[in-house]
Amino acid sequence: MSKALFCPTCRKVVLATDEYFPFCTDRCRLLDLGKWASGDYKISSPIQDPDLLEELARSNKHNRQNDDDVN
């Protein structure tokens, strides 16, 4: 018996053997991708790794400096 889930976009039942699993169609897959790309979906757990936090802080500072240079 094949595993079944609900499509995360439209909630139709999708079998694990379906072509676009876990989505029911390519359209639903692309709609989901678009939501990630536009920032509608976010992973909101806090960052615990101090090295990664430092790297992100340096990257943000660098990006702000570049934005100031352009404007």
PDB file of N, CA and C in Angstrom:
ATOM      1  N   MET A   1       0.841  -1.189   0.000  1.00  0.00           N
ATOM      2  CA  MET A   1       0.000   0.000   0.000  1.00  0.00           C
ATOM      3  C   MET A   1       0.881   1.246   0.000  1.00  0.00           C
ATOM      4  N   SER A   2       0.577   2.198  -0.857  1.00  0.00           N
ATOM      5  CA  SER A   2       1.366   3.415  -1.004  1.00  0.00           C
ATOM      6  C   SER A   2       0.968   4.445   0.058  1.00  0.00           C
ATOM      7  N   LYS A   3       1.954   5.173   0.556  1.00  0.00           N
ATOM      8  CA  LYS A   3       1.718   6.223   1.544  1.00  0.00           C
ATOM      9  C   LYS A   3       0.979   7.384   0.882  1.00  0.00           C
ATOM     10  N   ALA A   4       0.047   7.991   1.598  1.00  0.00           N
ATOM     11  CA  ALA A   4      -0.713   9.124   1.075  1.00  0.00           C
ATOM     12  C   ALA A   4      -0.601  10.302   2.035  1.00  0.00           C
ATOM     13  N   LEU A   5      -0.515  11.486   1.474  1.00  0.00           N
ATOM     14  CA  LEU A   5      -0.488  12.737   2.229  1.00  0.00           C
ATOM     15  C   LEU A   5      -1.455  13.709   1.569  1.00  0.00           C
ATOM     16  N   PHE A   6      -1.659  14.849   2.214  1.00  0.00           N
ATOM     17  CA  PHE A   6      -2.433  15.919   1.599  1.00  0.00           C
ATOM     18  C   PHE A   6      -1.465  16.894   0.941  1.00  0.00           C
ATOM     19  N   CYS A   7      -1.812  17.347  -0.265  1.00  0.00           N
ATOM     20  CA  CYS A   7      -1.020  18.358  -0.964  1.00  0.00           C
ATOM     21  C   CYS A   7      -0.951  19.589  -0.068  1.00  0.00           C
ATOM     22  N   PRO A   8       0.256  20.121   0.201  1.00  0.00           N
ATOM     23  CA  PRO A   8       0.370  21.281   1.083  1.00  0.00           C
ATOM     24  C   PRO A   8      -0.273  22.547   0.515  1.00  0.00           C
ATOM     25  N   THR A   9      -0.524  22.576  -0.783  1.00  0.00           N
ATOM     26  CA  THR A   9      -1.095  23.768  -1.403  1.00  0.00           C
ATOM     27  C   THR A   9      -2.618  23.722  -1.457  1.00  0.00           C
ATOM     28  N   CYS A  10      -3.176  22.627  -1.972  1.00  0.00           N
ATOM     29  CA  CYS A  10      -4.628  22.574  -2.176  1.00  0.00           C
ATOM     30  C   CYS A  10      -5.334  21.534  -1.313  1.00  0.00           C
ATOM     31  N   ARG A  11      -4.566  20.739  -0.579  1.00  0.00           N
ATOM     32  CA  ARG A  11      -5.090  19.756   0.365  1.00  0.00           C
ATOM     33  C   ARG A  11      -5.729  18.528  -0.287  1.00  0.00           C
ATOM     34  N   LYS A  12      -5.511  18.276  -1.589  1.00  0.00           N
ATOM     35  CA  LYS A  12      -5.976  17.040  -2.220  1.00  0.00           C
ATOM     36  C   LYS A  12      -5.097  15.888  -1.747  1.00  0.00           C
ATOM     37  N   VAL A  13      -5.637  14.676  -1.751  1.00  0.00           N
ATOM     38  CA  VAL A  13      -4.868  13.493  -1.366  1.00  0.00           C
ATOM     39  C   VAL A  13      -3.865  13.170  -2.473  1.00  0.00           C
ATOM     40  N   VAL A  14      -2.619  12.922  -2.065  1.00  0.00           N
ATOM     41  CA  VAL A  14      -1.537  12.623  -3.009  1.00  0.00           C
ATOM     42  C   VAL A  14      -0.860  11.331  -2.549  1.00  0.00           C
ATOM     43  N   LEU A  15      -0.655  10.406  -3.464  1.00  0.00           N
ATOM     44  CA  LEU A  15       0.054   9.166  -3.147  1.00  0.00           C
ATOM     45  C   LEU A  15       1.553   9.365  -3.317  1.00  0.00           C
ATOM     46  N   ALA A  16       2.326   8.629  -2.539  1.00  0.00           N
ATOM     47  CA  ALA A  16       3.785   8.737  -2.608  1.00  0.00           C
ATOM     48  C   ALA A  16       4.315   8.359  -3.980  1.00  0.00           C
ATOM     49  N   THR A  17       3.554   7.624  -4.739  1.00  0.00           N
ATOM     50  CA  THR A  17       3.986   7.200  -6.077  1.00  0.00           C
ATOM     51  C   THR A  17       3.633   8.227  -7.153  1.00  0.00           C
ATOM     52  N   ASP A  18       2.886   9.274  -6.797  1.00  0.00           N
ATOM     53  CA  ASP A  18       2.505  10.293  -7.779  1.00  0.00           C
ATOM     54  C   ASP A  18       3.724  11.095  -8.224  1.00  0.00           C
ATOM     55  N   GLU A  19       3.664  11.593  -9.448  1.00  0.00           N
ATOM     56  CA  GLU A  19       4.814  12.269 -10.072  1.00  0.00           C
ATOM     57  C   GLU A  19       5.312  13.489  -9.290  1.00  0.00           C
ATOM     58  N   TYR A  20       4.409  14.296  -8.753  1.00  0.00           N
ATOM     59  CA  TYR A  20       4.815  15.554  -8.108  1.00  0.00           C
ATOM     60  C   TYR A  20       4.773  15.483  -6.581  1.00  0.00           C
ATOM     61  N   PHE A  21       4.741  14.276  -6.031  1.00  0.00           N
ATOM     62  CA  PHE A  21       4.666  14.077  -4.582  1.00  0.00           C
ATOM     63  C   PHE A  21       5.702  14.945  -3.869  1.00  0.00           C
ATOM     64  N   PRO A  22       5.364  15.665  -2.840  1.00  0.00           N
ATOM     65  CA  PRO A  22       4.129  15.645  -2.059  1.00  0.00           C
ATOM     66  C   PRO A  22       3.037  16.568  -2.597  1.00  0.00           C
ATOM     67  N   PHE A  23       3.241  17.159  -3.760  1.00  0.00           N
ATOM     68  CA  PHE A  23       2.228  18.014  -4.373  1.00  0.00           C
ATOM     69  C   PHE A  23       1.401  17.196  -5.351  1.00  0.00           C
ATOM     70  N   CYS A  24       0.179  17.666  -5.632  1.00  0.00           N
ATOM     71  CA  CYS A  24      -0.674  16.905  -6.554  1.00  0.00           C
ATOM     72  C   CYS A  24      -0.371  17.244  -8.014  1.00  0.00           C
ATOM     73  N   THR A  25       0.120  18.450  -8.271  1.00  0.00           N
ATOM     74  CA  THR A  25       0.428  18.871  -9.641  1.00  0.00           C
ATOM     75  C   THR A  25       1.663  19.768  -9.645  1.00  0.00           C
ATOM     76  N   ASP A  26       2.195  20.006 -10.813  1.00  0.00           N
ATOM     77  CA  ASP A  26       3.313  20.927 -10.960  1.00  0.00           C
ATOM     78  C   ASP A  26       2.880  22.344 -10.579  1.00  0.00           C
ATOM     79  N   ARG A  27       1.632  22.697 -10.859  1.00  0.00           N
ATOM     80  CA  ARG A  27       1.114  24.020 -10.510  1.00  0.00           C
ATOM     81  C   ARG A  27       1.187  24.243  -8.992  1.00  0.00           C
ATOM     82  N   CYS A  28       0.728  23.258  -8.212  1.00  0.00           N
ATOM     83  CA  CYS A  28       0.783  23.384  -6.747  1.00  0.00           C
ATOM     84  C   CYS A  28       2.233  23.468  -6.267  1.00  0.00           C
ATOM     85  N   ARG A  29       3.126  22.723  -6.901  1.00  0.00           N
ATOM     86  CA  ARG A  29       4.546  22.773  -6.535  1.00  0.00           C
ATOM     87  C   ARG A  29       5.111  24.168  -6.776  1.00  0.00           C
ATOM     88  N   LEU A  30       4.782  24.758  -7.923  1.00  0.00           N
ATOM     89  CA  LEU A  30       5.280  26.091  -8.258  1.00  0.00           C
ATOM     90  C   LEU A  30       4.662  27.180  -7.378  1.00  0.00           C
ATOM     91  N   LEU A  31       3.405  27.036  -7.024  1.00  0.00           N
ATOM     92  CA  LEU A  31       2.784  27.994  -6.112  1.00  0.00           C
ATOM     93  C   LEU A  31       3.488  27.973  -4.758  1.00  0.00           C
ATOM     94  N   ASP A  32       3.814  26.785  -4.267  1.00  0.00           N
ATOM     95  CA  ASP A  32       4.531  26.658  -3.003  1.00  0.00           C
ATOM     96  C   ASP A  32       5.924  27.284  -3.110  1.00  0.00           C
ATOM     97  N   LEU A  33       6.619  27.008  -4.185  1.00  0.00           N
ATOM     98  CA  LEU A  33       7.950  27.591  -4.394  1.00  0.00           C
ATOM     99  C   LEU A  33       7.873  29.113  -4.425  1.00  0.00           C
ATOM    100  N   GLY A  34       6.850  29.649  -5.081  1.00  0.00           N
ATOM    101  CA  GLY A  34       6.672  31.095  -5.142  1.00  0.00           C
ATOM    102  C   GLY A  34       6.466  31.715  -3.774  1.00  0.00           C
ATOM    103  N   LYS A  35       5.759  31.012  -2.893  1.00  0.00           N
ATOM    104  CA  LYS A  35       5.552  31.528  -1.531  1.00  0.00           C
ATOM    105  C   LYS A  35       6.861  31.567  -0.759  1.00  0.00           C
ATOM    106  N   TRP A  36       7.707  30.570  -0.951  1.00  0.00           N
ATOM    107  CA  TRP A  36       9.030  30.597  -0.301  1.00  0.00           C
ATOM    108  C   TRP A  36       9.855  31.748  -0.858  1.00  0.00           C
ATOM    109  N   ALA A  37       9.840  31.904  -2.184  1.00  0.00           N
ATOM    110  CA  ALA A  37      10.666  32.933  -2.831  1.00  0.00           C
ATOM    111  C   ALA A  37      10.224  34.344  -2.455  1.00  0.00           C
ATOM    112  N   SER A  38       8.924  34.536  -2.256  1.00  0.00           N
ATOM    113  CA  SER A  38       8.425  35.878  -1.937  1.00  0.00           C
ATOM    114  C   SER A  38       8.504  36.196  -0.450  1.00  0.00           C
ATOM    115  N   GLY A  39       8.871  35.214   0.359  1.00  0.00           N
ATOM    116  CA  GLY A  39       8.987  35.445   1.796  1.00  0.00           C
ATOM    117  C   GLY A  39       7.710  35.187   2.570  1.00  0.00           C
ATOM    118  N   ASP A  40       6.673  34.661   1.904  1.00  0.00           N
ATOM    119  CA  ASP A  40       5.440  34.335   2.625  1.00  0.00           C
ATOM    120  C   ASP A  40       5.675  33.235   3.655  1.00  0.00           C
ATOM    121  N   TYR A  41       6.572  32.310   3.352  1.00  0.00           N
ATOM    122  CA  TYR A  41       6.932  31.252   4.290  1.00  0.00           C
ATOM    123  C   TYR A  41       8.267  31.612   4.923  1.00  0.00           C
ATOM    124  N   LYS A  42       8.375  31.370   6.220  1.00  0.00           N
ATOM    125  CA  LYS A  42       9.633  31.638   6.918  1.00  0.00           C
ATOM    126  C   LYS A  42       9.884  30.529   7.923  1.00  0.00           C
ATOM    127  N   ILE A  43      11.129  30.243   8.188  1.00  0.00           N
ATOM    128  CA  ILE A  43      11.503  29.341   9.260  1.00  0.00           C
ATOM    129  C   ILE A  43      11.852  30.238  10.434  1.00  0.00           C
ATOM    130  N   SER A  44      11.067  30.153  11.496  1.00  0.00           N
ATOM    131  CA  SER A  44      11.167  31.169  12.538  1.00  0.00           C
ATOM    132  C   SER A  44      11.873  30.715  13.813  1.00  0.00           C
ATOM    133  N   SER A  45      12.496  29.570  13.804  1.00  0.00           N
ATOM    134  CA  SER A  45      13.196  29.161  15.024  1.00  0.00           C
ATOM    135  C   SER A  45      14.474  29.994  15.175  1.00  0.00           C
ATOM    136  N   PRO A  46      14.823  30.356  16.409  1.00  0.00           N
ATOM    137  CA  PRO A  46      16.014  31.190  16.615  1.00  0.00           C
ATOM    138  C   PRO A  46      17.300  30.447  16.277  1.00  0.00           C
ATOM    139  N   ILE A  47      18.296  31.190  15.837  1.00  0.00           N
ATOM    140  CA  ILE A  47      19.605  30.626  15.517  1.00  0.00           C
ATOM    141  C   ILE A  47      20.387  30.479  16.812  1.00  0.00           C
ATOM    142  N   GLN A  48      20.856  29.273  17.099  1.00  0.00           N
ATOM    143  CA  GLN A  48      21.564  28.987  18.339  1.00  0.00           C
ATOM    144  C   GLN A  48      23.086  28.963  18.183  1.00  0.00           C
ATOM    145  N   ASP A  49      23.581  28.794  16.970  1.00  0.00           N
ATOM    146  CA  ASP A  49      25.011  28.658  16.714  1.00  0.00           C
ATOM    147  C   ASP A  49      25.690  30.034  16.766  1.00  0.00           C
ATOM    148  N   PRO A  50      26.555  30.295  17.757  1.00  0.00           N
ATOM    149  CA  PRO A  50      27.186  31.623  17.871  1.00  0.00           C
ATOM    150  C   PRO A  50      28.041  31.990  16.659  1.00  0.00           C
ATOM    151  N   ASP A  51      28.704  31.006  16.043  1.00  0.00           N
ATOM    152  CA  ASP A  51      29.512  31.299  14.861  1.00  0.00           C
ATOM    153  C   ASP A  51      28.641  31.752  13.697  1.00  0.00           C
ATOM    154  N   LEU A  52      27.494  31.108  13.524  1.00  0.00           N
ATOM    155  CA  LEU A  52      26.577  31.482  12.453  1.00  0.00           C
ATOM    156  C   LEU A  52      25.986  32.865  12.717  1.00  0.00           C
ATOM    157  N   LEU A  53      25.658  33.162  13.952  1.00  0.00           N
ATOM    158  CA  LEU A  53      25.149  34.489  14.299  1.00  0.00           C
ATOM    159  C   LEU A  53      26.163  35.575  13.953  1.00  0.00           C
ATOM    160  N   GLU A  54      27.428  35.332  14.272  1.00  0.00           N
ATOM    161  CA  GLU A  54      28.481  36.295  13.968  1.00  0.00           C
ATOM    162  C   GLU A  54      28.631  36.484  12.457  1.00  0.00           C
ATOM    163  N   GLU A  55      28.579  35.372  11.718  1.00  0.00           N
ATOM    164  CA  GLU A  55      28.690  35.440  10.258  1.00  0.00           C
ATOM    165  C   GLU A  55      27.520  36.229   9.668  1.00  0.00           C
ATOM    166  N   LEU A  56      26.308  36.002  10.166  1.00  0.00           N
ATOM    167  CA  LEU A  56      25.141  36.738   9.680  1.00  0.00           C
ATOM    168  C   LEU A  56      25.255  38.226  10.009  1.00  0.00           C
ATOM    169  N   ALA A  57      25.749  38.546  11.189  1.00  0.00           N
ATOM    170  CA  ALA A  57      25.913  39.946  11.581  1.00  0.00           C
ATOM    171  C   ALA A  57      26.903  40.651  10.648  1.00  0.00           C
ATOM    172  N   ARG A  58      28.017  39.974  10.336  1.00  0.00           N
ATOM    173  CA  ARG A  58      28.998  40.566   9.409  1.00  0.00           C
ATOM    174  C   ARG A  58      28.387  40.747   8.025  1.00  0.00           C
ATOM    175  N   SER A  59      27.625  39.754   7.575  1.00  0.00           N
ATOM    176  CA  SER A  59      27.003  39.816   6.254  1.00  0.00           C
ATOM    177  C   SER A  59      25.989  40.961   6.187  1.00  0.00           C
ATOM    178  N   ASN A  60      25.173  41.110   7.226  1.00  0.00           N
ATOM    179  CA  ASN A  60      24.192  42.199   7.248  1.00  0.00           C
ATOM    180  C   ASN A  60      24.869  43.561   7.250  1.00  0.00           C
ATOM    181  N   LYS A  61      25.950  43.692   8.004  1.00  0.00           N
ATOM    182  CA  LYS A  61      26.686  44.954   8.048  1.00  0.00           C
ATOM    183  C   LYS A  61      27.259  45.274   6.669  1.00  0.00           C
ATOM    184  N   HIS A  62      27.822  44.259   6.003  1.00  0.00           N
ATOM    185  CA  HIS A  62      28.384  44.437   4.664  1.00  0.00           C
ATOM    186  C   HIS A  62      27.289  44.847   3.675  1.00  0.00           C
ATOM    187  N   ASN A  63      26.121  44.206   3.753  1.00  0.00           N
ATOM    188  CA  ASN A  63      25.015  44.532   2.847  1.00  0.00           C
ATOM    189  C   ASN A  63      24.503  45.945   3.069  1.00  0.00           C
ATOM    190  N   ARG A  64      24.429  46.380   4.325  1.00  0.00           N
ATOM    191  CA  ARG A  64      23.981  47.754   4.610  1.00  0.00           C
ATOM    192  C   ARG A  64      24.972  48.765   4.055  1.00  0.00           C
ATOM    193  N   GLN A  65      26.263  48.482   4.154  1.00  0.00           N
ATOM    194  CA  GLN A  65      27.283  49.386   3.628  1.00  0.00           C
ATOM    195  C   GLN A  65      27.153  49.479   2.109  1.00  0.00           C
ATOM    196  N   ASN A  66      26.921  48.351   1.440  1.00  0.00           N
ATOM    197  CA  ASN A  66      26.763  48.366  -0.010  1.00  0.00           C
ATOM    198  C   ASN A  66      25.520  49.126  -0.418  1.00  0.00           C
ATOM    199  N   ASP A  67      24.423  48.994   0.343  1.00  0.00           N
ATOM    200  CA  ASP A  67      23.205  49.745   0.057  1.00  0.00           C
ATOM    201  C   ASP A  67      23.444  51.243   0.192  1.00  0.00           C
ATOM    202  N   ASP A  68      24.203  51.642   1.213  1.00  0.00           N
ATOM    203  CA  ASP A  68      24.506  53.060   1.408  1.00  0.00           C
ATOM    204  C   ASP A  68      25.359  53.607   0.269  1.00  0.00           C
ATOM    205  N   ASP A  69      26.269  52.790  -0.257  1.00  0.00           N
ATOM    206  CA  ASP A  69      27.117  53.211  -1.373  1.00  0.00           C
ATOM    207  C   ASP A  69      26.305  53.418  -2.644  1.00  0.00           C
ATOM    208  N   VAL A  70      25.278  52.617  -2.853  1.00  0.00           N
ATOM    209  CA  VAL A  70      24.445  52.711  -4.062  1.00  0.00           C
ATOM    210  C   VAL A  70      23.525  53.911  -3.987  1.00  0.00           C
ATOM    211  N   ASN A  71      22.986  54.191  -2.793  1.00  0.00           N
ATOM    212  CA  ASN A  71      22.032  55.294  -2.649  1.00  0.00           C
ATOM    213  C   ASN A  71      22.804  56.543  -2.459  1.00  0.00           C
TER     214      ASN A  71
END
